[in-house]
Amino acid sequence: MSDKSDVTAEQKQILEALAHADVPCGSKDIVAATGLDKKVVSSKITALKKIGFVDSPVRCKYGVTAAGREAISK
């Protein structure tokens, strides 16, 4: 499992975008909010889900977990 301080700049952008959203976001919403390439967003979300910083409460929609919020508050 990744150390909580290992969040990359791109992962942090994604977590912050999700943290500011009122509802779970799709990849297109995250791309629009961060300006990152959709392939980058997709791979980073997969990594963030594996370490427990992002969850998927609805199919193809993503939200930040408590652990994810903690990671960006540091």
PDB file of N, CA and C in Angstrom:
ATOM      1  N   MET A   1       0.841  -1.194   0.000  1.00  0.00           N
ATOM      2  CA  MET A   1       0.000   0.000   0.000  1.00  0.00           C
ATOM      3  C   MET A   1       0.879   1.248   0.000  1.00  0.00           C
ATOM      4  N   SER A   2       0.472   2.214  -0.704  1.00  0.00           N
ATOM      5  CA  SER A   2       1.249   3.440  -0.849  1.00  0.00           C
ATOM      6  C   SER A   2       1.206   4.276   0.428  1.00  0.00           C
ATOM      7  N   ASP A   3       2.309   4.942   0.686  1.00  0.00           N
ATOM      8  CA  ASP A   3       2.350   5.871   1.814  1.00  0.00           C
ATOM      9  C   ASP A   3       1.455   7.058   1.482  1.00  0.00           C
ATOM     10  N   LYS A   4       0.765   7.571   2.477  1.00  0.00           N
ATOM     11  CA  LYS A   4      -0.195   8.656   2.255  1.00  0.00           C
ATOM     12  C   LYS A   4       0.458   9.926   1.706  1.00  0.00           C
ATOM     13  N   SER A   5       1.756  10.096   1.945  1.00  0.00           N
ATOM     14  CA  SER A   5       2.432  11.303   1.473  1.00  0.00           C
ATOM     15  C   SER A   5       2.915  11.169   0.029  1.00  0.00           C
ATOM     16  N   ASP A   6       2.664  10.010  -0.587  1.00  0.00           N
ATOM     17  CA  ASP A   6       3.139   9.751  -1.947  1.00  0.00           C
ATOM     18  C   ASP A   6       2.206  10.257  -3.043  1.00  0.00           C
ATOM     19  N   VAL A   7       1.272  11.104  -2.708  1.00  0.00           N
ATOM     20  CA  VAL A   7       0.313  11.591  -3.701  1.00  0.00           C
ATOM     21  C   VAL A   7       1.039  12.507  -4.686  1.00  0.00           C
ATOM     22  N   THR A   8       0.916  12.194  -5.980  1.00  0.00           N
ATOM     23  CA  THR A   8       1.571  13.018  -7.003  1.00  0.00           C
ATOM     24  C   THR A   8       0.779  14.300  -7.208  1.00  0.00           C
ATOM     25  N   ALA A   9       1.373  15.235  -7.913  1.00  0.00           N
ATOM     26  CA  ALA A   9       0.690  16.505  -8.200  1.00  0.00           C
ATOM     27  C   ALA A   9      -0.603  16.254  -8.972  1.00  0.00           C
ATOM     28  N   GLU A  10      -0.556  15.340  -9.947  1.00  0.00           N
ATOM     29  CA  GLU A  10      -1.761  15.041 -10.735  1.00  0.00           C
ATOM     30  C   GLU A  10      -2.828  14.376  -9.871  1.00  0.00           C
ATOM     31  N   GLN A  11      -2.416  13.453  -9.008  1.00  0.00           N
ATOM     32  CA  GLN A  11      -3.378  12.796  -8.126  1.00  0.00           C
ATOM     33  C   GLN A  11      -4.007  13.817  -7.179  1.00  0.00           C
ATOM     34  N   LYS A  12      -3.192  14.744  -6.700  1.00  0.00           N
ATOM     35  CA  LYS A  12      -3.703  15.775  -5.792  1.00  0.00           C
ATOM     36  C   LYS A  12      -4.732  16.649  -6.510  1.00  0.00           C
ATOM     37  N   GLN A  13      -4.469  16.994  -7.782  1.00  0.00           N
ATOM     38  CA  GLN A  13      -5.433  17.785  -8.560  1.00  0.00           C
ATOM     39  C   GLN A  13      -6.772  17.053  -8.651  1.00  0.00           C
ATOM     40  N   ILE A  14      -6.712  15.756  -8.909  1.00  0.00           N
ATOM     41  CA  ILE A  14      -7.933  14.950  -9.039  1.00  0.00           C
ATOM     42  C   ILE A  14      -8.667  14.889  -7.700  1.00  0.00           C
ATOM     43  N   LEU A  15      -7.927  14.636  -6.618  1.00  0.00           N
ATOM     44  CA  LEU A  15      -8.551  14.577  -5.298  1.00  0.00           C
ATOM     45  C   LEU A  15      -9.200  15.907  -4.929  1.00  0.00           C
ATOM     46  N   GLU A  16      -8.512  17.001  -5.240  1.00  0.00           N
ATOM     47  CA  GLU A  16      -9.071  18.318  -4.923  1.00  0.00           C
ATOM     48  C   GLU A  16     -10.330  18.596  -5.740  1.00  0.00           C
ATOM     49  N   ALA A  17     -10.322  18.209  -7.016  1.00  0.00           N
ATOM     50  CA  ALA A  17     -11.508  18.396  -7.856  1.00  0.00           C
ATOM     51  C   ALA A  17     -12.688  17.600  -7.295  1.00  0.00           C
ATOM     52  N   LEU A  18     -12.427  16.367  -6.873  1.00  0.00           N
ATOM     53  CA  LEU A  18     -13.484  15.537  -6.302  1.00  0.00           C
ATOM     54  C   LEU A  18     -13.958  16.088  -4.957  1.00  0.00           C
ATOM     55  N   ALA A  19     -13.025  16.599  -4.168  1.00  0.00           N
ATOM     56  CA  ALA A  19     -13.374  17.140  -2.849  1.00  0.00           C
ATOM     57  C   ALA A  19     -14.265  18.378  -2.967  1.00  0.00           C
ATOM     58  N   HIS A  20     -14.088  19.147  -4.043  1.00  0.00           N
ATOM     59  CA  HIS A  20     -14.884  20.365  -4.237  1.00  0.00           C
ATOM     60  C   HIS A  20     -16.239  20.097  -4.899  1.00  0.00           C
ATOM     61  N   ALA A  21     -16.419  18.889  -5.416  1.00  0.00           N
ATOM     62  CA  ALA A  21     -17.686  18.544  -6.070  1.00  0.00           C
ATOM     63  C   ALA A  21     -18.725  18.144  -5.029  1.00  0.00           C
ATOM     64  N   ASP A  22     -19.974  18.516  -5.268  1.00  0.00           N
ATOM     65  CA  ASP A  22     -21.054  18.175  -4.344  1.00  0.00           C
ATOM     66  C   ASP A  22     -21.572  16.756  -4.555  1.00  0.00           C
ATOM     67  N   VAL A  23     -21.344  16.230  -5.738  1.00  0.00           N
ATOM     68  CA  VAL A  23     -21.822  14.886  -6.080  1.00  0.00           C
ATOM     69  C   VAL A  23     -20.681  14.110  -6.730  1.00  0.00           C
ATOM     70  N   PRO A  24     -20.776  12.773  -6.770  1.00  0.00           N
ATOM     71  CA  PRO A  24     -19.744  11.989  -7.460  1.00  0.00           C
ATOM     72  C   PRO A  24     -19.592  12.449  -8.912  1.00  0.00           C
ATOM     73  N   CYS A  25     -18.359  12.453  -9.398  1.00  0.00           N
ATOM     74  CA  CYS A  25     -18.042  12.966 -10.739  1.00  0.00           C
ATOM     75  C   CYS A  25     -17.622  11.855 -11.690  1.00  0.00           C
ATOM     76  N   GLY A  26     -17.958  12.053 -12.948  1.00  0.00           N
ATOM     77  CA  GLY A  26     -17.467  11.170 -13.992  1.00  0.00           C
ATOM     78  C   GLY A  26     -16.102  11.645 -14.466  1.00  0.00           C
ATOM     79  N   SER A  27     -15.443  10.824 -15.251  1.00  0.00           N
ATOM     80  CA  SER A  27     -14.118  11.169 -15.769  1.00  0.00           C
ATOM     81  C   SER A  27     -14.125  12.486 -16.541  1.00  0.00           C
ATOM     82  N   LYS A  28     -15.169  12.716 -17.349  1.00  0.00           N
ATOM     83  CA  LYS A  28     -15.237  13.956 -18.129  1.00  0.00           C
ATOM     84  C   LYS A  28     -15.277  15.182 -17.230  1.00  0.00           C
ATOM     85  N   ASP A  29     -15.995  15.070 -16.103  1.00  0.00           N
ATOM     86  CA  ASP A  29     -16.063  16.187 -15.147  1.00  0.00           C
ATOM     87  C   ASP A  29     -14.683  16.470 -14.556  1.00  0.00           C
ATOM     88  N   ILE A  30     -13.964  15.397 -14.253  1.00  0.00           N
ATOM     89  CA  ILE A  30     -12.634  15.540 -13.658  1.00  0.00           C
ATOM     90  C   ILE A  30     -11.664  16.133 -14.676  1.00  0.00           C
ATOM     91  N   VAL A  31     -11.749  15.674 -15.919  1.00  0.00           N
ATOM     92  CA  VAL A  31     -10.910  16.233 -16.991  1.00  0.00           C
ATOM     93  C   VAL A  31     -11.180  17.734 -17.125  1.00  0.00           C
ATOM     94  N   ALA A  32     -12.459  18.113 -17.121  1.00  0.00           N
ATOM     95  CA  ALA A  32     -12.824  19.527 -17.258  1.00  0.00           C
ATOM     96  C   ALA A  32     -12.314  20.347 -16.070  1.00  0.00           C
ATOM     97  N   ALA A  33     -12.396  19.782 -14.873  1.00  0.00           N
ATOM     98  CA  ALA A  33     -11.989  20.514 -13.669  1.00  0.00           C
ATOM     99  C   ALA A  33     -10.474  20.648 -13.535  1.00  0.00           C
ATOM    100  N   THR A  34      -9.736  19.636 -14.025  1.00  0.00           N
ATOM    101  CA  THR A  34      -8.279  19.624 -13.813  1.00  0.00           C
ATOM    102  C   THR A  34      -7.480  20.035 -15.046  1.00  0.00           C
ATOM    103  N   GLY A  35      -8.064  19.859 -16.228  1.00  0.00           N
ATOM    104  CA  GLY A  35      -7.322  20.132 -17.454  1.00  0.00           C
ATOM    105  C   GLY A  35      -6.356  19.016 -17.826  1.00  0.00           C
ATOM    106  N   LEU A  36      -6.414  17.901 -17.093  1.00  0.00           N
ATOM    107  CA  LEU A  36      -5.537  16.764 -17.396  1.00  0.00           C
ATOM    108  C   LEU A  36      -6.110  15.957 -18.555  1.00  0.00           C
ATOM    109  N   ASP A  37      -5.258  15.212 -19.222  1.00  0.00           N
ATOM    110  CA  ASP A  37      -5.678  14.329 -20.302  1.00  0.00           C
ATOM    111  C   ASP A  37      -6.570  13.217 -19.737  1.00  0.00           C
ATOM    112  N   LYS A  38      -7.564  12.783 -20.518  1.00  0.00           N
ATOM    113  CA  LYS A  38      -8.492  11.772 -20.005  1.00  0.00           C
ATOM    114  C   LYS A  38      -7.808  10.441 -19.688  1.00  0.00           C
ATOM    115  N   LYS A  39      -6.756  10.092 -20.428  1.00  0.00           N
ATOM    116  CA  LYS A  39      -6.029   8.850 -20.134  1.00  0.00           C
ATOM    117  C   LYS A  39      -5.282   8.962 -18.807  1.00  0.00           C
ATOM    118  N   VAL A  40      -4.747  10.138 -18.539  1.00  0.00           N
ATOM    119  CA  VAL A  40      -4.057  10.390 -17.265  1.00  0.00           C
ATOM    120  C   VAL A  40      -5.064  10.294 -16.123  1.00  0.00           C
ATOM    121  N   VAL A  41      -6.206  10.940 -16.285  1.00  0.00           N
ATOM    122  CA  VAL A  41      -7.248  10.904 -15.254  1.00  0.00           C
ATOM    123  C   VAL A  41      -7.666   9.462 -14.978  1.00  0.00           C
ATOM    124  N   SER A  42      -7.881   8.689 -16.015  1.00  0.00           N
ATOM    125  CA  SER A  42      -8.310   7.307 -15.866  1.00  0.00           C
ATOM    126  C   SER A  42      -7.280   6.478 -15.088  1.00  0.00           C
ATOM    127  N   SER A  43      -6.007   6.603 -15.449  1.00  0.00           N
ATOM    128  CA  SER A  43      -4.974   5.818 -14.762  1.00  0.00           C
ATOM    129  C   SER A  43      -4.774   6.275 -13.324  1.00  0.00           C
ATOM    130  N   LYS A  44      -4.860   7.572 -13.095  1.00  0.00           N
ATOM    131  CA  LYS A  44      -4.682   8.098 -11.735  1.00  0.00           C
ATOM    132  C   LYS A  44      -5.855   7.687 -10.843  1.00  0.00           C
ATOM    133  N   ILE A  45      -7.071   7.685 -11.385  1.00  0.00           N
ATOM    134  CA  ILE A  45      -8.226   7.261 -10.592  1.00  0.00           C
ATOM    135  C   ILE A  45      -8.078   5.795 -10.193  1.00  0.00           C
ATOM    136  N   THR A  46      -7.631   4.967 -11.119  1.00  0.00           N
ATOM    137  CA  THR A  46      -7.418   3.554 -10.809  1.00  0.00           C
ATOM    138  C   THR A  46      -6.426   3.408  -9.663  1.00  0.00           C
ATOM    139  N   ALA A  47      -5.330   4.164  -9.720  1.00  0.00           N
ATOM    140  CA  ALA A  47      -4.322   4.114  -8.654  1.00  0.00           C
ATOM    141  C   ALA A  47      -4.891   4.625  -7.337  1.00  0.00           C
ATOM    142  N   LEU A  48      -5.656   5.715  -7.394  1.00  0.00           N
ATOM    143  CA  LEU A  48      -6.238   6.295  -6.181  1.00  0.00           C
ATOM    144  C   LEU A  48      -7.279   5.361  -5.548  1.00  0.00           C
ATOM    145  N   LYS A  49      -8.003   4.623  -6.380  1.00  0.00           N
ATOM    146  CA  LYS A  49      -8.963   3.650  -5.851  1.00  0.00           C
ATOM    147  C   LYS A  49      -8.232   2.524  -5.129  1.00  0.00           C
ATOM    148  N   LYS A  50      -7.105   2.075  -5.694  1.00  0.00           N
ATOM    149  CA  LYS A  50      -6.336   0.984  -5.089  1.00  0.00           C
ATOM    150  C   LYS A  50      -5.808   1.355  -3.707  1.00  0.00           C
ATOM    151  N   ILE A  51      -5.453   2.617  -3.513  1.00  0.00           N
ATOM    152  CA  ILE A  51      -4.918   3.022  -2.201  1.00  0.00           C
ATOM    153  C   ILE A  51      -6.010   3.571  -1.284  1.00  0.00           C
ATOM    154  N   GLY A  52      -7.246   3.544  -1.768  1.00  0.00           N
ATOM    155  CA  GLY A  52      -8.371   3.895  -0.905  1.00  0.00           C
ATOM    156  C   GLY A  52      -8.675   5.378  -0.789  1.00  0.00           C
ATOM    157  N   PHE A  53      -8.161   6.196  -1.707  1.00  0.00           N
ATOM    158  CA  PHE A  53      -8.407   7.639  -1.649  1.00  0.00           C
ATOM    159  C   PHE A  53      -9.638   8.045  -2.453  1.00  0.00           C
ATOM    160  N   VAL A  54     -10.059   7.168  -3.368  1.00  0.00           N
ATOM    161  CA  VAL A  54     -11.224   7.434  -4.214  1.00  0.00           C
ATOM    162  C   VAL A  54     -12.122   6.202  -4.162  1.00  0.00           C
ATOM    163  N   ASP A  55     -13.423   6.427  -4.138  1.00  0.00           N
ATOM    164  CA  ASP A  55     -14.366   5.321  -4.243  1.00  0.00           C
ATOM    165  C   ASP A  55     -15.297   5.578  -5.424  1.00  0.00           C
ATOM    166  N   SER A  56     -16.115   4.582  -5.719  1.00  0.00           N
ATOM    167  CA  SER A  56     -17.041   4.702  -6.845  1.00  0.00           C
ATOM    168  C   SER A  56     -18.444   4.337  -6.348  1.00  0.00           C
ATOM    169  N   PRO A  57     -19.139   5.321  -5.754  1.00  0.00           N
ATOM    170  CA  PRO A  57     -20.466   5.046  -5.204  1.00  0.00           C
ATOM    171  C   PRO A  57     -21.520   4.751  -6.268  1.00  0.00           C
ATOM    172  N   VAL A  58     -21.301   5.235  -7.465  1.00  0.00           N
ATOM    173  CA  VAL A  58     -22.199   5.003  -8.597  1.00  0.00           C
ATOM    174  C   VAL A  58     -21.315   4.575  -9.762  1.00  0.00           C
ATOM    175  N   ARG A  59     -21.808   3.659 -10.600  1.00  0.00           N
ATOM    176  CA  ARG A  59     -21.012   3.175 -11.722  1.00  0.00           C
ATOM    177  C   ARG A  59     -20.489   4.347 -12.557  1.00  0.00           C
ATOM    178  N   CYS A  60     -19.163   4.338 -12.798  1.00  0.00           N
ATOM    179  CA  CYS A  60     -18.480   5.353 -13.618  1.00  0.00           C
ATOM    180  C   CYS A  60     -18.501   6.754 -13.001  1.00  0.00           C
ATOM    181  N   LYS A  61     -18.783   6.862 -11.737  1.00  0.00           N
ATOM    182  CA  LYS A  61     -18.719   8.142 -11.022  1.00  0.00           C
ATOM    183  C   LYS A  61     -17.799   7.945  -9.818  1.00  0.00           C
ATOM    184  N   TYR A  62     -17.068   8.970  -9.476  1.00  0.00           N
ATOM    185  CA  TYR A  62     -16.067   8.837  -8.432  1.00  0.00           C
ATOM    186  C   TYR A  62     -16.217   9.917  -7.366  1.00  0.00           C
ATOM    187  N   GLY A  63     -15.865   9.531  -6.155  1.00  0.00           N
ATOM    188  CA  GLY A  63     -15.886  10.468  -5.041  1.00  0.00           C
ATOM    189  C   GLY A  63     -14.627  10.301  -4.219  1.00  0.00           C
ATOM    190  N   VAL A  64     -14.270  11.314  -3.459  1.00  0.00           N
ATOM    191  CA  VAL A  64     -13.080  11.243  -2.610  1.00  0.00           C
ATOM    192  C   VAL A  64     -13.486  10.641  -1.259  1.00  0.00           C
ATOM    193  N   THR A  65     -12.628   9.774  -0.719  1.00  0.00           N
ATOM    194  CA  THR A  65     -12.890   9.154   0.583  1.00  0.00           C
ATOM    195  C   THR A  65     -12.314  10.034   1.693  1.00  0.00           C
ATOM    196  N   ALA A  66     -12.608   9.663   2.930  1.00  0.00           N
ATOM    197  CA  ALA A  66     -12.048  10.397   4.076  1.00  0.00           C
ATOM    198  C   ALA A  66     -10.518  10.359   4.035  1.00  0.00           C
ATOM    199  N   ALA A  67      -9.966   9.208   3.663  1.00  0.00           N
ATOM    200  CA  ALA A  67      -8.503   9.084   3.556  1.00  0.00           C
ATOM    201  C   ALA A  67      -7.953  10.000   2.455  1.00  0.00           C
ATOM    202  N   GLY A  68      -8.707  10.124   1.365  1.00  0.00           N
ATOM    203  CA  GLY A  68      -8.308  11.012   0.276  1.00  0.00           C
ATOM    204  C   GLY A  68      -8.318  12.465   0.706  1.00  0.00           C
ATOM    205  N   ARG A  69      -9.354  12.838   1.458  1.00  0.00           N
ATOM    206  CA  ARG A  69      -9.431  14.215   1.974  1.00  0.00           C
ATOM    207  C   ARG A  69      -8.268  14.505   2.913  1.00  0.00           C
ATOM    208  N   GLU A  70      -7.930  13.509   3.729  1.00  0.00           N
ATOM    209  CA  GLU A  70      -6.814  13.670   4.664  1.00  0.00           C
ATOM    210  C   GLU A  70      -5.497  13.859   3.900  1.00  0.00           C
ATOM    211  N   ALA A  71      -5.336  13.129   2.805  1.00  0.00           N
ATOM    212  CA  ALA A  71      -4.105  13.209   2.019  1.00  0.00           C
ATOM    213  C   ALA A  71      -3.901  14.589   1.416  1.00  0.00           C
ATOM    214  N   ILE A  72      -4.981  15.264   1.019  1.00  0.00           N
ATOM    215  CA  ILE A  72      -4.816  16.592   0.412  1.00  0.00           C
ATOM    216  C   ILE A  72      -4.817  17.703   1.448  1.00  0.00           C
ATOM    217  N   SER A  73      -5.150  17.370   2.691  1.00  0.00           N
ATOM    218  CA  SER A  73      -5.133  18.403   3.719  1.00  0.00           C
ATOM    219  C   SER A  73      -3.744  18.592   4.319  1.00  0.00           C
ATOM    220  N   LYS A  74      -2.816  17.719   3.936  1.00  0.00           N
ATOM    221  CA  LYS A  74      -1.454  17.789   4.481  1.00  0.00           C
ATOM    222  C   LYS A  74      -0.633  18.831   3.772  1.00  0.00           C
TER     223      LYS A  74
END
